[in-house]
PDB file of N, CA and C in Angstrom:
ATOM      1  N   MET A   1      45.213 133.729-141.869  1.00  0.00           N
ATOM      2  CA  MET A   1      45.731 134.449-142.776  1.00  0.00           C
ATOM      3  C   MET A   1      44.392 135.481-142.491  1.00  0.00           C
ATOM      4  N   PRO A   2      44.981 137.147-142.440  1.00  0.00           N
ATOM      5  CA  PRO A   2      43.795 138.069-141.592  1.00  0.00           C
ATOM      6  C   PRO A   2      42.835 138.346-143.195  1.00  0.00           C
ATOM      7  N   PHE A   3      42.615 137.452-144.229  1.00  0.00           N
ATOM      8  CA  PHE A   3      42.087 138.679-145.841  1.00  0.00           C
ATOM      9  C   PHE A   3      40.831 137.241-146.004  1.00  0.00           C
ATOM     10  N   PHE A   4      41.311 136.102-144.738  1.00  0.00           N
ATOM     11  CA  PHE A   4      40.829 134.982-145.446  1.00  0.00           C
ATOM     12  C   PHE A   4      38.437 134.750-144.579  1.00  0.00           C
ATOM     13  N   LYS A   5      37.500 134.801-144.606  1.00  0.00           N
ATOM     14  CA  LYS A   5      36.950 134.945-144.504  1.00  0.00           C
ATOM     15  C   LYS A   5      36.125 132.871-144.988  1.00  0.00           C
ATOM     16  N   PHE A   6      35.789 132.269-144.131  1.00  0.00           N
ATOM     17  CA  PHE A   6      34.837 131.395-143.952  1.00  0.00           C
ATOM     18  C   PHE A   6      33.420 131.357-143.369  1.00  0.00           C
ATOM     19  N   ILE A   7      32.054 131.576-143.969  1.00  0.00           N
ATOM     20  CA  ILE A   7      30.832 131.648-142.941  1.00  0.00           C
ATOM     21  C   ILE A   7      29.733 130.981-143.822  1.00  0.00           C
ATOM     22  N   PRO A   8      29.696 129.347-142.625  1.00  0.00           N
ATOM     23  CA  PRO A   8      29.035 128.698-143.257  1.00  0.00           C
ATOM     24  C   PRO A   8      27.178 128.966-142.639  1.00  0.00           C
ATOM     25  N   GLU A   9      26.431 128.564-143.532  1.00  0.00           N
ATOM     26  CA  GLU A   9      24.899 129.560-143.067  1.00  0.00           C
ATOM     27  C   GLU A   9      24.002 128.657-142.841  1.00  0.00           C
ATOM     28  N   LEU A  10      22.946 127.893-142.193  1.00  0.00           N
ATOM     29  CA  LEU A  10      22.160 126.888-142.531  1.00  0.00           C
ATOM     30  C   LEU A  10      21.021 127.697-141.894  1.00  0.00           C
ATOM     31  N   LYS A  11      20.022 127.335-142.617  1.00  0.00           N
ATOM     32  CA  LYS A  11      18.386 128.519-142.907  1.00  0.00           C
ATOM     33  C   LYS A  11      17.242 127.027-143.660  1.00  0.00           C
ATOM     34  N   PHE A  12      16.019 126.851-142.903  1.00  0.00           N
ATOM     35  CA  PHE A  12      14.764 126.750-142.763  1.00  0.00           C
ATOM     36  C   PHE A  12      13.997 126.741-143.112  1.00  0.00           C
ATOM     37  N   CYS A  13      13.667 126.364-144.153  1.00  0.00           N
ATOM     38  CA  CYS A  13      12.183 126.820-145.161  1.00  0.00           C
ATOM     39  C   CYS A  13      11.204 126.632-145.071  1.00  0.00           C
ATOM     40  N   PHE A  14       9.887 126.838-144.033  1.00  0.00           N
ATOM     41  CA  PHE A  14       9.385 125.843-144.694  1.00  0.00           C
ATOM     42  C   PHE A  14       7.659 126.782-145.238  1.00  0.00           C
ATOM     43  N   GLY A  15       7.081 125.623-145.611  1.00  0.00           N
ATOM     44  CA  GLY A  15       5.797 126.460-145.989  1.00  0.00           C
ATOM     45  C   GLY A  15       4.045 125.823-145.548  1.00  0.00           C
ATOM     46  N   LEU A  16       3.971 127.010-145.600  1.00  0.00           N
ATOM     47  CA  LEU A  16       2.585 126.384-144.352  1.00  0.00           C
ATOM     48  C   LEU A  16       1.267 125.885-145.633  1.00  0.00           C
ATOM     49  N   GLY A  17       1.287 126.530-146.572  1.00  0.00           N
ATOM     50  CA  GLY A  17      -0.033 126.156-147.237  1.00  0.00           C
ATOM     51  C   GLY A  17       0.316 124.591-147.899  1.00  0.00           C
ATOM     52  N   ASN A  18      -1.146 123.747-147.562  1.00  0.00           N
ATOM     53  CA  ASN A  18      -1.056 123.013-148.419  1.00  0.00           C
ATOM     54  C   ASN A  18      -0.764 122.257-149.932  1.00  0.00           C
ATOM     55  N   MET A  19       0.289 121.889-150.585  1.00  0.00           N
ATOM     56  CA  MET A  19       0.061 121.558-151.561  1.00  0.00           C
ATOM     57  C   MET A  19      -0.053 120.785-152.113  1.00  0.00           C
ATOM     58  N   LEU A  20      -1.397 119.850-151.942  1.00  0.00           N
ATOM     59  CA  LEU A  20      -2.114 118.679-151.957  1.00  0.00           C
ATOM     60  C   LEU A  20      -3.826 119.295-152.615  1.00  0.00           C
ATOM     61  N   ASN A  21      -3.437 119.205-154.075  1.00  0.00           N
ATOM     62  CA  ASN A  21      -5.090 118.893-155.014  1.00  0.00           C
ATOM     63  C   ASN A  21      -6.032 117.841-155.183  1.00  0.00           C
ATOM     64  N   LYS A  22      -6.546 117.250-153.838  1.00  0.00           N
ATOM     65  CA  LYS A  22      -7.732 116.896-153.802  1.00  0.00           C
ATOM     66  C   LYS A  22      -8.730 116.154-154.575  1.00  0.00           C
ATOM     67  N   ASN A  23      -9.374 117.379-155.489  1.00  0.00           N
ATOM     68  CA  ASN A  23      -9.805 117.611-155.897  1.00  0.00           C
ATOM     69  C   ASN A  23      -9.419 117.452-157.297  1.00  0.00           C
ATOM     70  N   ARG A  24      -8.900 116.574-157.943  1.00  0.00           N
ATOM     71  CA  ARG A  24      -8.918 116.681-159.588  1.00  0.00           C
ATOM     72  C   ARG A  24      -9.610 116.952-160.160  1.00  0.00           C
ATOM     73  N   THR A  25     -10.248 117.739-161.182  1.00  0.00           N
ATOM     74  CA  THR A  25     -11.300 116.857-162.339  1.00  0.00           C
ATOM     75  C   THR A  25     -10.146 116.682-163.892  1.00  0.00           C
ATOM     76  N   ASP A  26      -9.204 116.628-164.276  1.00  0.00           N
ATOM     77  CA  ASP A  26      -8.283 116.146-165.061  1.00  0.00           C
ATOM     78  C   ASP A  26      -8.335 114.844-164.819  1.00  0.00           C
ATOM     79  N   LEU A  27      -8.301 113.933-164.029  1.00  0.00           N
ATOM     80  CA  LEU A  27      -8.047 112.493-163.865  1.00  0.00           C
ATOM     81  C   LEU A  27      -9.290 112.081-164.284  1.00  0.00           C
ATOM     82  N   THR A  28      -9.663 111.201-164.429  1.00  0.00           N
ATOM     83  CA  THR A  28     -10.783 110.419-165.779  1.00  0.00           C
ATOM     84  C   THR A  28     -11.154 108.693-164.623  1.00  0.00           C
ATOM     85  N   ASP A  29      -9.858 108.647-164.782  1.00  0.00           N
ATOM     86  CA  ASP A  29      -9.407 107.075-164.244  1.00  0.00           C
ATOM     87  C   ASP A  29      -9.677 106.910-163.144  1.00  0.00           C
ATOM     88  N   PRO A  30     -10.240 106.293-162.184  1.00  0.00           N
ATOM     89  CA  PRO A  30     -10.055 105.849-160.305  1.00  0.00           C
ATOM     90  C   PRO A  30      -9.284 105.924-160.085  1.00  0.00           C
ATOM     91  N   THR A  31      -8.265 105.043-161.458  1.00  0.00           N
ATOM     92  CA  THR A  31      -7.014 104.258-159.962  1.00  0.00           C
ATOM     93  C   THR A  31      -5.641 104.789-160.140  1.00  0.00           C
ATOM     94  N   GLN A  32      -6.099 106.199-160.953  1.00  0.00           N
ATOM     95  CA  GLN A  32      -5.017 107.550-160.665  1.00  0.00           C
ATOM     96  C   GLN A  32      -5.660 108.184-159.431  1.00  0.00           C
ATOM     97  N   LEU A  33      -6.614 108.075-159.016  1.00  0.00           N
ATOM     98  CA  LEU A  33      -6.527 109.332-157.409  1.00  0.00           C
ATOM     99  C   LEU A  33      -6.349 108.350-156.115  1.00  0.00           C
ATOM    100  N   ILE A  34      -5.936 107.479-156.590  1.00  0.00           N
ATOM    101  CA  ILE A  34      -5.882 106.855-154.918  1.00  0.00           C
ATOM    102  C   ILE A  34      -4.546 107.165-154.743  1.00  0.00           C
ATOM    103  N   PHE A  35      -3.580 107.947-155.802  1.00  0.00           N
ATOM    104  CA  PHE A  35      -2.249 107.795-155.151  1.00  0.00           C
ATOM    105  C   PHE A  35      -2.206 109.983-154.169  1.00  0.00           C
ATOM    106  N   THR A  36      -3.943 110.700-154.714  1.00  0.00           N
ATOM    107  CA  THR A  36      -4.331 111.260-153.645  1.00  0.00           C
ATOM    108  C   THR A  36      -5.204 111.729-152.099  1.00  0.00           C
ATOM    109  N   GLN A  37      -5.880 110.059-152.860  1.00  0.00           N
ATOM    110  CA  GLN A  37      -5.961 110.019-151.353  1.00  0.00           C
ATOM    111  C   GLN A  37      -5.579 109.409-150.825  1.00  0.00           C
ATOM    112  N   SER A  38      -4.568 108.624-151.053  1.00  0.00           N
ATOM    113  CA  SER A  38      -3.503 108.401-149.598  1.00  0.00           C
ATOM    114  C   SER A  38      -2.673 109.054-149.144  1.00  0.00           C
ATOM    115  N   ILE A  39      -2.964 110.404-149.160  1.00  0.00           N
ATOM    116  CA  ILE A  39      -1.480 111.860-148.481  1.00  0.00           C
ATOM    117  C   ILE A  39      -3.058 112.207-147.874  1.00  0.00           C
ATOM    118  N   ASP A  40      -2.414 112.861-147.009  1.00  0.00           N
ATOM    119  CA  ASP A  40      -3.341 113.803-146.345  1.00  0.00           C
ATOM    120  C   ASP A  40      -3.064 115.204-146.341  1.00  0.00           C
ATOM    121  N   ARG A  41      -1.820 115.022-146.605  1.00  0.00           N
ATOM    122  CA  ARG A  41      -0.877 116.896-146.634  1.00  0.00           C
ATOM    123  C   ARG A  41       0.292 116.851-147.468  1.00  0.00           C
ATOM    124  N   ALA A  42      -0.183 117.796-147.741  1.00  0.00           N
ATOM    125  CA  ALA A  42       1.302 117.237-148.929  1.00  0.00           C
ATOM    126  C   ALA A  42       2.428 118.899-148.626  1.00  0.00           C
ATOM    127  N   ALA A  43       3.395 119.635-148.044  1.00  0.00           N
ATOM    128  CA  ALA A  43       4.275 120.499-147.495  1.00  0.00           C
ATOM    129  C   ALA A  43       5.211 121.083-147.636  1.00  0.00           C
ATOM    130  N   VAL A  44       5.682 122.189-148.355  1.00  0.00           N
ATOM    131  CA  VAL A  44       6.856 122.436-149.215  1.00  0.00           C
ATOM    132  C   VAL A  44       7.591 122.761-147.066  1.00  0.00           C
ATOM    133  N   GLY A  45       9.117 121.740-147.257  1.00  0.00           N
ATOM    134  CA  GLY A  45      10.319 122.033-145.844  1.00  0.00           C
ATOM    135  C   GLY A  45      11.721 121.877-146.747  1.00  0.00           C
ATOM    136  N   MET A  46      12.127 122.255-146.537  1.00  0.00           N
ATOM    137  CA  MET A  46      13.372 122.950-147.194  1.00  0.00           C
ATOM    138  C   MET A  46      14.830 123.331-145.754  1.00  0.00           C
ATOM    139  N   PHE A  47      15.667 121.836-146.262  1.00  0.00           N
ATOM    140  CA  PHE A  47      17.718 122.785-145.048  1.00  0.00           C
ATOM    141  C   PHE A  47      18.300 123.098-146.340  1.00  0.00           C
ATOM    142  N   VAL A  48      19.020 124.154-146.094  1.00  0.00           N
ATOM    143  CA  VAL A  48      19.931 124.995-147.295  1.00  0.00           C
ATOM    144  C   VAL A  48      21.021 125.494-146.356  1.00  0.00           C
ATOM    145  N   LEU A  49      22.241 124.333-146.620  1.00  0.00           N
ATOM    146  CA  LEU A  49      23.442 124.459-146.088  1.00  0.00           C
ATOM    147  C   LEU A  49      24.468 125.288-147.191  1.00  0.00           C
ATOM    148  N   THR A  50      24.282 126.463-146.545  1.00  0.00           N
ATOM    149  CA  THR A  50      25.606 127.614-147.711  1.00  0.00           C
ATOM    150  C   THR A  50      26.779 127.850-146.798  1.00  0.00           C
ATOM    151  N   PHE A  51      28.199 128.002-147.814  1.00  0.00           N
ATOM    152  CA  PHE A  51      28.964 128.474-147.360  1.00  0.00           C
ATOM    153  C   PHE A  51      30.052 129.509-148.041  1.00  0.00           C
ATOM    154  N   TYR A  52      30.317 130.918-147.078  1.00  0.00           N
ATOM    155  CA  TYR A  52      30.162 131.853-148.242  1.00  0.00           C
ATOM    156  C   TYR A  52      32.300 131.410-147.997  1.00  0.00           C
ATOM    157  N   PHE A  53      33.327 131.984-148.547  1.00  0.00           N
ATOM    158  CA  PHE A  53      34.594 132.524-148.560  1.00  0.00           C
ATOM    159  C   PHE A  53      35.041 133.562-149.570  1.00  0.00           C
ATOM    160  N   GLU A  54      35.173 134.529-148.543  1.00  0.00           N
ATOM    161  CA  GLU A  54      35.488 135.096-148.859  1.00  0.00           C
ATOM    162  C   GLU A  54      37.188 135.815-149.144  1.00  0.00           C
TER     163      GLU A  54
END
C-alpha cells in the first residue's frame, strides 16, 4: 500500500529531581511518618510507546 505509513516510536522520560518530601509538617501522627522515612528517593520515570498511522 503506497499511501500507508506505520511509525512506532519508543520514548524514555526520566526526571532528575527527588519528588519525595521528608519534612512533612502536616502529618502530626508519628505512625504516618514511617511511609516517607522508609523510602530514600522518589524519581519520575516513564516508557512511552506510540504508534502513528497515516
